[in-house]
Amino acid sequence: MADWVQPGVIGAIALVAGFFGHRMLWRRLPRLATAPTPSLGSDVLAGAITGAAAVALAPLGTNPAGAVAYGFFAIAGVQLSLIDARLKLLPNVLVLPTAGISLALLAATAAAEDAWPSFGRAVAGGAALFVAYLVLALVSPSGIGMGDVKLSVVAGVFLAYQGWMPLVVGAAAGFVIGALVGLALLAARKANRHTTVPFGPSMLGGAVLVLALIPAGLFAL
């Protein structure tokens, strides 16, 4: 099988899932259905971003269970990022099941790879990032919300499954991206120093960026 076939198939599936997932969530989920319905272009954009994220993470899925796990992370991560970016909201009805499914899929991946130490590290890393975000939320509730705290478990388990270094760098990358987004909004006069900028997209974007660079041999520890 050519090297591009698996990422291509995963990307195509994720693109379709992202498109229809976006349509379904915004039209069916009560907390979102009250907001203005996104356009068809928004659905297409959601699918394209999801497909690109899935392709970037595809090399980490070295077995079917891993492919499903990282594909799920791409699909769920993009949907949650778009919701947070638009509504400044991370609904428990989506975040909590995403965390549970993520752990289950990584457990299946660990079983397929006989990599239970990696799964144990994922659980510990997700818990550590949760505690770190909880402290930040208590210290600065205007900057980090409880939705971000819960979402950190999802980013944490996927990063820590790959190692402690990816967890540290991925967490830091989220804050760097968040700072850059804030500066860009200030420069464009679309925000001021008191504007609340959703952090979920930056957190997940940092995680995806670091995970995508791992196959290149970076963040090996």
N, C-alpha and C. Protein backbone atom coordinates (compact mmCIF):
# COMPACT_ATOMS: atom_id res chain seq x y z
N MET A 1 0.85 -1.20 0.00
CA MET A 1 0.00 0.00 0.00
C MET A 1 0.88 1.25 0.00
N ALA A 2 0.59 2.16 -0.90
CA ALA A 2 1.37 3.39 -0.99
C ALA A 2 1.25 4.18 0.32
N ASP A 3 2.31 4.95 0.59
CA ASP A 3 2.36 5.67 1.86
C ASP A 3 1.23 6.68 2.01
N TRP A 4 0.71 7.17 0.88
CA TRP A 4 -0.32 8.21 0.96
C TRP A 4 -1.72 7.66 1.11
N VAL A 5 -1.89 6.33 0.91
CA VAL A 5 -3.25 5.78 0.90
C VAL A 5 -3.91 5.87 2.27
N GLN A 6 -3.22 5.41 3.31
CA GLN A 6 -3.84 5.43 4.64
C GLN A 6 -4.19 6.85 5.09
N PRO A 7 -3.23 7.81 5.04
CA PRO A 7 -3.62 9.17 5.41
C PRO A 7 -4.74 9.72 4.54
N GLY A 8 -4.72 9.37 3.24
CA GLY A 8 -5.76 9.86 2.35
C GLY A 8 -7.13 9.32 2.73
N VAL A 9 -7.20 8.04 3.04
CA VAL A 9 -8.48 7.44 3.44
C VAL A 9 -8.97 8.04 4.76
N ILE A 10 -8.05 8.14 5.73
CA ILE A 10 -8.41 8.71 7.02
C ILE A 10 -8.87 10.16 6.86
N GLY A 11 -8.15 10.91 6.04
CA GLY A 11 -8.53 12.30 5.81
C GLY A 11 -9.89 12.43 5.17
N ALA A 12 -10.19 11.57 4.20
CA ALA A 12 -11.49 11.62 3.53
C ALA A 12 -12.62 11.29 4.49
N ILE A 13 -12.41 10.26 5.31
CA ILE A 13 -13.44 9.89 6.29
C ILE A 13 -13.65 11.03 7.28
N ALA A 14 -12.55 11.62 7.75
CA ALA A 14 -12.65 12.72 8.71
C ALA A 14 -13.32 13.94 8.09
N LEU A 15 -13.02 14.21 6.82
CA LEU A 15 -13.65 15.35 6.14
C LEU A 15 -15.17 15.19 6.13
N VAL A 16 -15.63 13.99 5.76
CA VAL A 16 -17.08 13.74 5.71
C VAL A 16 -17.67 13.82 7.12
N ALA A 17 -16.96 13.22 8.10
CA ALA A 17 -17.46 13.24 9.47
C ALA A 17 -17.49 14.67 10.01
N GLY A 18 -16.49 15.47 9.68
CA GLY A 18 -16.46 16.85 10.13
C GLY A 18 -17.59 17.67 9.53
N PHE A 19 -17.86 17.46 8.25
CA PHE A 19 -18.93 18.18 7.57
C PHE A 19 -20.29 17.86 8.18
N PHE A 20 -20.62 16.56 8.24
CA PHE A 20 -21.93 16.17 8.74
C PHE A 20 -22.04 16.33 10.25
N GLY A 21 -20.91 16.16 10.95
CA GLY A 21 -20.93 16.38 12.39
C GLY A 21 -21.26 17.83 12.72
N HIS A 22 -20.68 18.74 11.96
CA HIS A 22 -20.96 20.16 12.17
C HIS A 22 -22.42 20.48 11.90
N ARG A 23 -22.94 19.97 10.81
CA ARG A 23 -24.35 20.19 10.48
C ARG A 23 -25.26 19.63 11.56
N MET A 24 -24.97 18.42 12.02
CA MET A 24 -25.84 17.76 12.99
C MET A 24 -25.81 18.48 14.34
N LEU A 25 -24.60 18.79 14.83
CA LEU A 25 -24.48 19.41 16.14
C LEU A 25 -25.21 20.74 16.20
N TRP A 26 -25.00 21.58 15.20
CA TRP A 26 -25.56 22.92 15.24
C TRP A 26 -27.06 22.93 14.99
N ARG A 27 -27.59 21.84 14.48
CA ARG A 27 -29.02 21.79 14.20
C ARG A 27 -29.79 20.92 15.19
N ARG A 28 -29.07 20.09 15.95
CA ARG A 28 -29.75 19.14 16.84
C ARG A 28 -29.48 19.38 18.32
N LEU A 29 -28.27 19.82 18.66
CA LEU A 29 -27.92 19.97 20.07
C LEU A 29 -28.62 21.21 20.64
N PRO A 30 -29.42 21.06 21.70
CA PRO A 30 -30.21 22.18 22.21
C PRO A 30 -29.39 23.43 22.51
N ARG A 31 -28.22 23.27 23.13
CA ARG A 31 -27.43 24.45 23.50
C ARG A 31 -26.93 25.21 22.28
N LEU A 32 -26.82 24.52 21.13
CA LEU A 32 -26.32 25.16 19.92
C LEU A 32 -27.43 25.55 18.96
N ALA A 33 -28.55 24.82 19.02
CA ALA A 33 -29.63 25.06 18.08
C ALA A 33 -30.26 26.43 18.26
N THR A 34 -30.09 27.03 19.45
CA THR A 34 -30.64 28.36 19.68
C THR A 34 -29.81 29.46 19.02
N ALA A 35 -28.56 29.13 18.65
CA ALA A 35 -27.70 30.10 17.97
C ALA A 35 -28.04 30.12 16.48
N PRO A 36 -27.68 31.20 15.79
CA PRO A 36 -27.92 31.24 14.34
C PRO A 36 -27.28 30.05 13.64
N THR A 37 -28.01 29.43 12.73
CA THR A 37 -27.52 28.24 12.03
C THR A 37 -26.36 28.60 11.12
N PRO A 38 -25.24 27.89 11.24
CA PRO A 38 -24.10 28.18 10.36
C PRO A 38 -24.45 27.92 8.90
N SER A 39 -23.74 28.56 8.03
CA SER A 39 -23.98 28.41 6.60
C SER A 39 -23.37 27.11 6.09
N LEU A 40 -23.74 26.77 4.85
CA LEU A 40 -23.16 25.60 4.20
C LEU A 40 -21.64 25.76 4.10
N GLY A 41 -21.19 26.99 3.87
CA GLY A 41 -19.75 27.23 3.80
C GLY A 41 -19.06 26.89 5.11
N SER A 42 -19.72 27.16 6.24
CA SER A 42 -19.15 26.81 7.54
C SER A 42 -19.03 25.30 7.70
N ASP A 43 -20.03 24.57 7.21
CA ASP A 43 -19.97 23.11 7.25
C ASP A 43 -18.80 22.59 6.42
N VAL A 44 -18.64 23.17 5.24
CA VAL A 44 -17.53 22.75 4.36
C VAL A 44 -16.20 23.06 5.00
N LEU A 45 -16.08 24.24 5.61
CA LEU A 45 -14.84 24.61 6.29
C LEU A 45 -14.55 23.66 7.44
N ALA A 46 -15.58 23.30 8.21
CA ALA A 46 -15.40 22.35 9.31
C ALA A 46 -14.88 21.02 8.80
N GLY A 47 -15.44 20.56 7.68
CA GLY A 47 -14.98 19.30 7.11
C GLY A 47 -13.54 19.38 6.62
N ALA A 48 -13.19 20.50 5.98
CA ALA A 48 -11.82 20.66 5.46
C ALA A 48 -10.80 20.70 6.59
N ILE A 49 -11.10 21.44 7.65
CA ILE A 49 -10.17 21.52 8.78
C ILE A 49 -10.03 20.17 9.45
N THR A 50 -11.15 19.46 9.60
CA THR A 50 -11.12 18.14 10.22
C THR A 50 -10.28 17.17 9.39
N GLY A 51 -10.48 17.19 8.08
CA GLY A 51 -9.69 16.31 7.22
C GLY A 51 -8.22 16.60 7.30
N ALA A 52 -7.85 17.89 7.31
CA ALA A 52 -6.44 18.27 7.39
C ALA A 52 -5.82 17.82 8.72
N ALA A 53 -6.58 18.00 9.81
CA ALA A 53 -6.07 17.58 11.12
C ALA A 53 -5.88 16.07 11.17
N ALA A 54 -6.82 15.32 10.60
CA ALA A 54 -6.73 13.87 10.60
C ALA A 54 -5.53 13.39 9.79
N VAL A 55 -5.29 14.03 8.66
CA VAL A 55 -4.12 13.66 7.84
C VAL A 55 -2.83 13.94 8.60
N ALA A 56 -2.78 15.08 9.30
CA ALA A 56 -1.58 15.43 10.06
C ALA A 56 -1.30 14.42 11.17
N LEU A 57 -2.35 13.84 11.76
CA LEU A 57 -2.18 12.91 12.87
C LEU A 57 -2.12 11.45 12.41
N ALA A 58 -2.42 11.20 11.14
CA ALA A 58 -2.50 9.83 10.64
C ALA A 58 -1.24 8.99 10.89
N PRO A 59 -0.01 9.54 10.76
CA PRO A 59 1.17 8.71 10.99
C PRO A 59 1.26 8.13 12.40
N LEU A 60 0.57 8.72 13.36
CA LEU A 60 0.60 8.19 14.73
C LEU A 60 -0.27 6.96 14.88
N GLY A 61 -1.21 6.77 13.97
CA GLY A 61 -2.08 5.60 14.04
C GLY A 61 -1.46 4.42 13.34
N THR A 62 -0.55 3.74 14.02
CA THR A 62 0.20 2.65 13.41
C THR A 62 -0.56 1.34 13.37
N ASN A 63 -1.77 1.31 13.92
CA ASN A 63 -2.63 0.13 13.85
C ASN A 63 -4.07 0.64 13.77
N PRO A 64 -5.03 -0.22 13.44
CA PRO A 64 -6.41 0.27 13.28
C PRO A 64 -6.95 0.99 14.51
N ALA A 65 -6.63 0.47 15.70
CA ALA A 65 -7.12 1.13 16.92
C ALA A 65 -6.53 2.52 17.06
N GLY A 66 -5.24 2.66 16.77
CA GLY A 66 -4.61 3.97 16.84
C GLY A 66 -5.15 4.93 15.80
N ALA A 67 -5.41 4.41 14.60
CA ALA A 67 -5.97 5.25 13.55
C ALA A 67 -7.33 5.80 13.96
N VAL A 68 -8.15 4.95 14.58
CA VAL A 68 -9.47 5.39 15.05
C VAL A 68 -9.31 6.42 16.16
N ALA A 69 -8.37 6.18 17.09
CA ALA A 69 -8.17 7.08 18.22
C ALA A 69 -7.78 8.47 17.77
N TYR A 70 -6.77 8.57 16.90
CA TYR A 70 -6.30 9.90 16.47
C TYR A 70 -7.27 10.53 15.49
N GLY A 71 -7.99 9.71 14.72
CA GLY A 71 -9.04 10.26 13.87
C GLY A 71 -10.16 10.86 14.70
N PHE A 72 -10.51 10.18 15.78
CA PHE A 72 -11.54 10.71 16.68
C PHE A 72 -11.08 12.03 17.31
N PHE A 73 -9.81 12.09 17.70
CA PHE A 73 -9.29 13.32 18.30
C PHE A 73 -9.41 14.48 17.32
N ALA A 74 -9.09 14.22 16.06
CA ALA A 74 -9.21 15.27 15.05
C ALA A 74 -10.66 15.72 14.88
N ILE A 75 -11.57 14.76 14.77
CA ILE A 75 -12.98 15.10 14.53
C ILE A 75 -13.56 15.85 15.73
N ALA A 76 -13.39 15.28 16.92
CA ALA A 76 -13.96 15.91 18.11
C ALA A 76 -13.28 17.24 18.41
N GLY A 77 -11.96 17.28 18.23
CA GLY A 77 -11.23 18.50 18.54
C GLY A 77 -11.65 19.68 17.68
N VAL A 78 -11.85 19.44 16.40
CA VAL A 78 -12.27 20.52 15.50
C VAL A 78 -13.67 20.99 15.85
N GLN A 79 -14.59 20.06 16.11
CA GLN A 79 -15.96 20.45 16.45
C GLN A 79 -15.99 21.30 17.72
N LEU A 80 -15.26 20.86 18.75
CA LEU A 80 -15.24 21.60 20.00
C LEU A 80 -14.58 22.97 19.82
N SER A 81 -13.54 23.02 19.01
CA SER A 81 -12.86 24.30 18.76
C SER A 81 -13.78 25.29 18.07
N LEU A 82 -14.54 24.81 17.09
CA LEU A 82 -15.44 25.70 16.37
C LEU A 82 -16.57 26.21 17.26
N ILE A 83 -17.08 25.33 18.11
CA ILE A 83 -18.13 25.74 19.05
C ILE A 83 -17.59 26.80 20.01
N ASP A 84 -16.41 26.54 20.55
CA ASP A 84 -15.83 27.48 21.51
C ASP A 84 -15.50 28.81 20.85
N ALA A 85 -14.98 28.75 19.63
CA ALA A 85 -14.62 29.98 18.93
C ALA A 85 -15.84 30.85 18.66
N ARG A 86 -16.96 30.23 18.37
CA ARG A 86 -18.15 30.99 18.01
C ARG A 86 -18.98 31.40 19.22
N LEU A 87 -19.11 30.51 20.20
CA LEU A 87 -20.02 30.76 21.31
C LEU A 87 -19.31 30.96 22.65
N LYS A 88 -17.99 30.81 22.67
CA LYS A 88 -17.24 30.87 23.94
C LYS A 88 -17.85 29.89 24.93
N LEU A 89 -18.05 28.66 24.45
CA LEU A 89 -18.76 27.65 25.21
C LEU A 89 -18.20 26.27 24.88
N LEU A 90 -17.96 25.47 25.92
CA LEU A 90 -17.56 24.07 25.74
C LEU A 90 -18.57 23.22 26.52
N PRO A 91 -19.62 22.75 25.87
CA PRO A 91 -20.71 22.05 26.58
C PRO A 91 -20.25 20.75 27.21
N ASN A 92 -20.67 20.53 28.47
CA ASN A 92 -20.35 19.28 29.15
C ASN A 92 -20.85 18.07 28.38
N VAL A 93 -21.99 18.23 27.70
CA VAL A 93 -22.59 17.11 26.99
C VAL A 93 -21.69 16.62 25.85
N LEU A 94 -20.75 17.45 25.43
CA LEU A 94 -19.77 17.05 24.40
C LEU A 94 -18.41 16.77 25.01
N VAL A 95 -17.95 17.63 25.93
CA VAL A 95 -16.59 17.50 26.44
C VAL A 95 -16.41 16.23 27.27
N LEU A 96 -17.35 15.95 28.16
CA LEU A 96 -17.19 14.79 29.05
C LEU A 96 -17.20 13.46 28.30
N PRO A 97 -18.15 13.24 27.36
CA PRO A 97 -18.06 12.00 26.57
C PRO A 97 -16.81 11.92 25.73
N THR A 98 -16.34 13.08 25.22
CA THR A 98 -15.10 13.08 24.43
C THR A 98 -13.93 12.60 25.27
N ALA A 99 -13.86 13.03 26.53
CA ALA A 99 -12.78 12.58 27.41
C ALA A 99 -12.87 11.08 27.66
N GLY A 100 -14.08 10.59 27.93
CA GLY A 100 -14.24 9.16 28.18
C GLY A 100 -13.92 8.31 26.96
N ILE A 101 -14.41 8.73 25.80
CA ILE A 101 -14.14 7.98 24.57
C ILE A 101 -12.65 8.01 24.24
N SER A 102 -12.00 9.15 24.47
CA SER A 102 -10.57 9.26 24.21
C SER A 102 -9.78 8.25 25.04
N LEU A 103 -10.11 8.14 26.32
CA LEU A 103 -9.42 7.17 27.17
C LEU A 103 -9.68 5.74 26.70
N ALA A 104 -10.93 5.46 26.32
CA ALA A 104 -11.25 4.11 25.85
C ALA A 104 -10.50 3.76 24.57
N LEU A 105 -10.42 4.71 23.65
CA LEU A 105 -9.73 4.45 22.39
C LEU A 105 -8.22 4.31 22.60
N LEU A 106 -7.65 5.10 23.50
CA LEU A 106 -6.22 4.96 23.79
C LEU A 106 -5.94 3.65 24.51
N ALA A 107 -6.88 3.18 25.33
CA ALA A 107 -6.71 1.87 25.97
C ALA A 107 -6.70 0.77 24.91
N ALA A 108 -7.58 0.88 23.92
CA ALA A 108 -7.60 -0.09 22.82
C ALA A 108 -6.30 -0.02 22.02
N THR A 109 -5.80 1.21 21.82
CA THR A 109 -4.52 1.38 21.12
C THR A 109 -3.39 0.74 21.89
N ALA A 110 -3.37 0.94 23.21
CA ALA A 110 -2.33 0.34 24.05
C ALA A 110 -2.40 -1.18 24.01
N ALA A 111 -3.62 -1.73 23.98
CA ALA A 111 -3.77 -3.18 23.90
C ALA A 111 -3.24 -3.71 22.57
N ALA A 112 -3.52 -2.99 21.48
CA ALA A 112 -3.05 -3.41 20.16
C ALA A 112 -1.53 -3.32 20.05
N GLU A 113 -0.94 -2.34 20.72
CA GLU A 113 0.51 -2.11 20.64
C GLU A 113 1.28 -2.75 21.79
N ASP A 114 0.53 -3.35 22.73
CA ASP A 114 1.13 -3.84 23.98
C ASP A 114 1.95 -2.73 24.62
N ALA A 115 1.31 -1.57 24.75
CA ALA A 115 1.99 -0.38 25.25
C ALA A 115 1.26 0.19 26.46
N TRP A 116 1.03 -0.67 27.45
CA TRP A 116 0.30 -0.23 28.64
C TRP A 116 1.03 0.85 29.43
N PRO A 117 2.38 0.84 29.47
CA PRO A 117 3.04 1.98 30.14
C PRO A 117 2.68 3.32 29.50
N SER A 118 2.52 3.33 28.17
CA SER A 118 2.12 4.56 27.49
C SER A 118 0.72 4.99 27.90
N PHE A 119 -0.16 4.01 28.08
CA PHE A 119 -1.52 4.33 28.51
C PHE A 119 -1.52 4.86 29.94
N GLY A 120 -0.72 4.23 30.79
CA GLY A 120 -0.61 4.73 32.16
C GLY A 120 -0.09 6.15 32.20
N ARG A 121 0.90 6.44 31.34
CA ARG A 121 1.43 7.80 31.25
C ARG A 121 0.36 8.75 30.73
N ALA A 122 -0.47 8.29 29.80
CA ALA A 122 -1.55 9.13 29.27
C ALA A 122 -2.53 9.52 30.37
N VAL A 123 -2.90 8.55 31.19
CA VAL A 123 -3.83 8.84 32.29
C VAL A 123 -3.20 9.82 33.27
N ALA A 124 -1.94 9.57 33.62
CA ALA A 124 -1.26 10.48 34.54
C ALA A 124 -1.09 11.87 33.94
N GLY A 125 -0.75 11.92 32.66
CA GLY A 125 -0.57 13.21 32.00
C GLY A 125 -1.87 13.99 31.88
N GLY A 126 -2.96 13.28 31.57
CA GLY A 126 -4.26 13.96 31.50
C GLY A 126 -4.66 14.51 32.86
N ALA A 127 -4.41 13.74 33.91
CA ALA A 127 -4.73 14.21 35.26
C ALA A 127 -3.86 15.40 35.64
N ALA A 128 -2.58 15.35 35.28
CA ALA A 128 -1.66 16.44 35.62
C ALA A 128 -2.07 17.73 34.92
N LEU A 129 -2.43 17.63 33.64
CA LEU A 129 -2.83 18.83 32.91
C LEU A 129 -4.16 19.37 33.45
N PHE A 130 -5.05 18.46 33.84
CA PHE A 130 -6.31 18.89 34.45
C PHE A 130 -6.05 19.71 35.71
N VAL A 131 -5.17 19.21 36.58
CA VAL A 131 -4.87 19.91 37.83
C VAL A 131 -4.23 21.27 37.52
N ALA A 132 -3.31 21.30 36.56
CA ALA A 132 -2.64 22.56 36.21
C ALA A 132 -3.66 23.59 35.71
N TYR A 133 -4.57 23.17 34.85
CA TYR A 133 -5.59 24.08 34.34
C TYR A 133 -6.57 24.49 35.43
N LEU A 134 -6.88 23.58 36.33
CA LEU A 134 -7.79 23.91 37.42
C LEU A 134 -7.19 25.01 38.30
N VAL A 135 -5.90 24.90 38.58
CA VAL A 135 -5.23 25.93 39.37
C VAL A 135 -5.28 27.27 38.62
N LEU A 136 -5.00 27.24 37.33
CA LEU A 136 -5.05 28.47 36.54
C LEU A 136 -6.46 29.07 36.53
N ALA A 137 -7.47 28.22 36.43
CA ALA A 137 -8.85 28.70 36.41
C ALA A 137 -9.23 29.34 37.74
N LEU A 138 -8.73 28.78 38.83
CA LEU A 138 -9.03 29.34 40.15
C LEU A 138 -8.30 30.66 40.37
N VAL A 139 -7.08 30.74 39.84
CA VAL A 139 -6.29 31.96 39.99
C VAL A 139 -6.79 33.05 39.06
N SER A 140 -7.12 32.68 37.83
CA SER A 140 -7.53 33.67 36.82
C SER A 140 -8.75 33.16 36.06
N PRO A 141 -9.94 33.20 36.70
CA PRO A 141 -11.14 32.67 36.05
C PRO A 141 -11.54 33.41 34.78
N SER A 142 -11.05 34.62 34.60
CA SER A 142 -11.37 35.36 33.38
C SER A 142 -10.57 34.87 32.19
N GLY A 143 -9.47 34.17 32.45
CA GLY A 143 -8.63 33.69 31.36
C GLY A 143 -8.87 32.24 31.00
N ILE A 144 -9.12 31.40 32.00
CA ILE A 144 -9.34 29.97 31.80
C ILE A 144 -10.68 29.60 32.42
N GLY A 145 -11.56 29.02 31.62
CA GLY A 145 -12.87 28.61 32.12
C GLY A 145 -12.88 27.14 32.50
N MET A 146 -13.94 26.72 33.17
CA MET A 146 -14.03 25.32 33.58
C MET A 146 -14.18 24.39 32.38
N GLY A 147 -14.73 24.90 31.29
CA GLY A 147 -14.75 24.09 30.08
C GLY A 147 -13.35 23.78 29.59
N ASP A 148 -12.47 24.77 29.66
CA ASP A 148 -11.07 24.55 29.28
C ASP A 148 -10.41 23.53 30.21
N VAL A 149 -10.75 23.59 31.50
CA VAL A 149 -10.18 22.65 32.47
C VAL A 149 -10.56 21.22 32.09
N LYS A 150 -11.82 21.00 31.78
CA LYS A 150 -12.26 19.65 31.41
C LYS A 150 -11.67 19.21 30.08
N LEU A 151 -11.60 20.15 29.14
CA LEU A 151 -11.05 19.82 27.82
C LEU A 151 -9.57 19.47 27.90
N SER A 152 -8.86 20.00 28.90
CA SER A 152 -7.43 19.73 29.02
C SER A 152 -7.15 18.24 29.20
N VAL A 153 -8.12 17.51 29.74
CA VAL A 153 -7.94 16.06 29.90
C VAL A 153 -7.77 15.40 28.54
N VAL A 154 -8.58 15.84 27.57
CA VAL A 154 -8.52 15.25 26.23
C VAL A 154 -7.16 15.53 25.58
N ALA A 155 -6.75 16.79 25.59
CA ALA A 155 -5.44 17.13 25.03
C ALA A 155 -4.33 16.41 25.78
N GLY A 156 -4.46 16.36 27.11
CA GLY A 156 -3.40 15.77 27.93
C GLY A 156 -3.19 14.29 27.67
N VAL A 157 -4.27 13.51 27.52
CA VAL A 157 -4.08 12.07 27.36
C VAL A 157 -3.44 11.74 26.02
N PHE A 158 -3.83 12.46 24.97
CA PHE A 158 -3.23 12.18 23.66
C PHE A 158 -1.76 12.61 23.61
N LEU A 159 -1.45 13.75 24.21
CA LEU A 159 -0.05 14.20 24.24
C LEU A 159 0.81 13.28 25.09
N ALA A 160 0.33 12.95 26.28
CA ALA A 160 1.13 12.15 27.20
C ALA A 160 1.29 10.71 26.73
N TYR A 161 0.34 10.21 25.93
CA TYR A 161 0.51 8.86 25.39
C TYR A 161 1.79 8.78 24.56
N GLN A 162 2.15 9.88 23.94
CA GLN A 162 3.36 9.92 23.12
C GLN A 162 4.62 10.22 23.94
N GLY A 163 4.46 10.72 25.17
CA GLY A 163 5.63 11.00 25.99
C GLY A 163 5.43 12.23 26.86
N TRP A 164 6.32 12.38 27.84
CA TRP A 164 6.22 13.55 28.72
C TRP A 164 6.61 14.84 28.01
N MET A 165 7.60 14.75 27.13
CA MET A 165 8.02 15.95 26.41
C MET A 165 6.90 16.49 25.51
N PRO A 166 6.20 15.64 24.75
CA PRO A 166 5.07 16.16 23.98
C PRO A 166 4.02 16.83 24.86
N LEU A 167 3.80 16.28 26.06
CA LEU A 167 2.82 16.88 26.95
C LEU A 167 3.24 18.30 27.35
N VAL A 168 4.49 18.45 27.76
CA VAL A 168 4.97 19.76 28.19
C VAL A 168 4.97 20.75 27.04
N VAL A 169 5.52 20.33 25.90
CA VAL A 169 5.62 21.23 24.76
C VAL A 169 4.23 21.54 24.19
N GLY A 170 3.36 20.53 24.14
CA GLY A 170 2.02 20.74 23.62
C GLY A 170 1.21 21.69 24.49
N ALA A 171 1.35 21.56 25.81
CA ALA A 171 0.66 22.48 26.71
C ALA A 171 1.18 23.90 26.52
N ALA A 172 2.49 24.04 26.42
CA ALA A 172 3.08 25.37 26.22
C ALA A 172 2.67 25.95 24.88
N ALA A 173 2.60 25.10 23.85
CA ALA A 173 2.23 25.58 22.51
C ALA A 173 0.82 26.18 22.52
N GLY A 174 -0.08 25.62 23.32
CA GLY A 174 -1.42 26.17 23.41
C GLY A 174 -1.42 27.60 23.90
N PHE A 175 -0.59 27.87 24.90
CA PHE A 175 -0.52 29.24 25.43
C PHE A 175 0.15 30.19 24.44
N VAL A 176 1.15 29.70 23.72
CA VAL A 176 1.80 30.54 22.71
C VAL A 176 0.81 30.90 21.61
N ILE A 177 0.07 29.90 21.12
CA ILE A 177 -0.93 30.16 20.09
C ILE A 177 -1.99 31.12 20.61
N GLY A 178 -2.42 30.90 21.85
CA GLY A 178 -3.42 31.78 22.43
C GLY A 178 -2.95 33.23 22.50
N ALA A 179 -1.68 33.42 22.88
CA ALA A 179 -1.12 34.77 22.95
C ALA A 179 -1.05 35.40 21.57
N LEU A 180 -0.65 34.62 20.57
CA LEU A 180 -0.56 35.15 19.21
C LEU A 180 -1.94 35.52 18.67
N VAL A 181 -2.94 34.69 18.96
CA VAL A 181 -4.30 35.01 18.52
C VAL A 181 -4.78 36.29 19.18
N GLY A 182 -4.52 36.44 20.47
CA GLY A 182 -4.91 37.65 21.17
C GLY A 182 -4.25 38.89 20.59
N LEU A 183 -2.96 38.79 20.29
CA LEU A 183 -2.25 39.93 19.70
C LEU A 183 -2.79 40.26 18.31
N ALA A 184 -3.10 39.23 17.55
CA ALA A 184 -3.64 39.45 16.20
C ALA A 184 -4.99 40.15 16.27
N LEU A 185 -5.83 39.75 17.22
CA LEU A 185 -7.14 40.39 17.37
C LEU A 185 -6.99 41.84 17.82
N LEU A 186 -6.03 42.10 18.70
CA LEU A 186 -5.77 43.47 19.13
C LEU A 186 -5.30 44.33 17.96
N ALA A 187 -4.38 43.76 17.17
CA ALA A 187 -3.85 44.51 16.03
C ALA A 187 -4.93 44.81 15.00
N ALA A 188 -5.88 43.88 14.85
CA ALA A 188 -6.97 44.07 13.90
C ALA A 188 -8.12 44.87 14.48
N ARG A 189 -7.97 45.30 15.74
CA ARG A 189 -9.00 46.08 16.45
C ARG A 189 -10.32 45.32 16.56
N LYS A 190 -10.22 44.00 16.67
CA LYS A 190 -11.40 43.17 16.87
C LYS A 190 -11.54 42.76 18.33
N ALA A 191 -10.63 43.23 19.16
CA ALA A 191 -10.67 42.93 20.59
C ALA A 191 -9.90 44.00 21.32
N ASN A 192 -10.15 44.09 22.63
CA ASN A 192 -9.35 44.96 23.48
C ASN A 192 -8.79 44.15 24.64
N ARG A 193 -8.13 44.79 25.56
CA ARG A 193 -7.48 44.07 26.64
C ARG A 193 -8.46 43.37 27.57
N HIS A 194 -9.72 43.74 27.49
CA HIS A 194 -10.73 43.15 28.37
C HIS A 194 -11.58 42.09 27.66
N THR A 195 -11.31 41.87 26.38
CA THR A 195 -12.07 40.89 25.61
C THR A 195 -11.67 39.47 26.00
N THR A 196 -12.66 38.63 26.21
CA THR A 196 -12.40 37.21 26.51
C THR A 196 -12.22 36.45 25.19
N VAL A 197 -11.06 35.85 25.02
CA VAL A 197 -10.77 35.08 23.82
C VAL A 197 -10.87 33.59 24.15
N PRO A 198 -11.71 32.82 23.46
CA PRO A 198 -11.84 31.39 23.74
C PRO A 198 -10.48 30.69 23.65
N PHE A 199 -10.18 29.86 24.64
CA PHE A 199 -8.87 29.22 24.69
C PHE A 199 -8.88 27.79 24.15
N GLY A 200 -10.06 27.18 24.04
CA GLY A 200 -10.12 25.80 23.57
C GLY A 200 -9.44 25.58 22.22
N PRO A 201 -9.70 26.43 21.21
CA PRO A 201 -9.04 26.22 19.92
C PRO A 201 -7.51 26.28 20.00
N SER A 202 -6.99 27.19 20.84
CA SER A 202 -5.53 27.29 20.98
C SER A 202 -4.97 26.07 21.67
N MET A 203 -5.66 25.59 22.71
CA MET A 203 -5.20 24.39 23.41
C MET A 203 -5.13 23.19 22.49
N LEU A 204 -6.20 22.97 21.75
CA LEU A 204 -6.24 21.82 20.85
C LEU A 204 -5.33 22.01 19.65
N GLY A 205 -5.22 23.25 19.17
CA GLY A 205 -4.31 23.52 18.07
C GLY A 205 -2.87 23.25 18.45
N GLY A 206 -2.48 23.63 19.65
CA GLY A 206 -1.12 23.34 20.12
C GLY A 206 -0.87 21.85 20.22
N ALA A 207 -1.88 21.11 20.71
CA ALA A 207 -1.74 19.66 20.83
C ALA A 207 -1.58 19.00 19.46
N VAL A 208 -2.42 19.40 18.51
CA VAL A 208 -2.34 18.83 17.16
C VAL A 208 -1.01 19.16 16.51
N LEU A 209 -0.54 20.39 16.68
CA LEU A 209 0.74 20.79 16.09
C LEU A 209 1.88 19.93 16.60
N VAL A 210 1.95 19.75 17.90
CA VAL A 210 3.04 18.96 18.49
C VAL A 210 2.91 17.49 18.09
N LEU A 211 1.71 16.95 18.14
CA LEU A 211 1.52 15.55 17.75
C LEU A 211 1.90 15.33 16.29
N ALA A 212 1.58 16.28 15.43
CA ALA A 212 1.90 16.14 14.01
C ALA A 212 3.40 16.16 13.75
N LEU A 213 4.17 16.80 14.64
CA LEU A 213 5.62 16.87 14.47
C LEU A 213 6.36 15.67 15.04
N ILE A 214 5.69 14.85 15.82
CA ILE A 214 6.36 13.71 16.45
C ILE A 214 6.94 12.73 15.43
N PRO A 215 6.22 12.37 14.35
CA PRO A 215 6.82 11.43 13.38
C PRO A 215 8.12 11.94 12.76
N ALA A 216 8.35 13.25 12.81
CA ALA A 216 9.60 13.80 12.28
C ALA A 216 10.77 13.60 13.24
N GLY A 217 10.50 13.00 14.39
CA GLY A 217 11.57 12.71 15.36
C GLY A 217 11.72 13.75 16.44
N LEU A 218 10.79 14.71 16.50
CA LEU A 218 10.86 15.74 17.54
C LEU A 218 10.13 15.26 18.79
N PHE A 219 10.48 15.86 19.92
CA PHE A 219 9.80 15.61 21.19
C PHE A 219 9.81 14.13 21.53
N ALA A 220 10.94 13.49 21.46
CA ALA A 220 11.03 12.04 21.63
C ALA A 220 10.98 11.59 23.08
N LEU A 221 11.16 12.49 24.03
CA LEU A 221 11.22 12.07 25.42
C LEU A 221 9.84 12.04 26.07
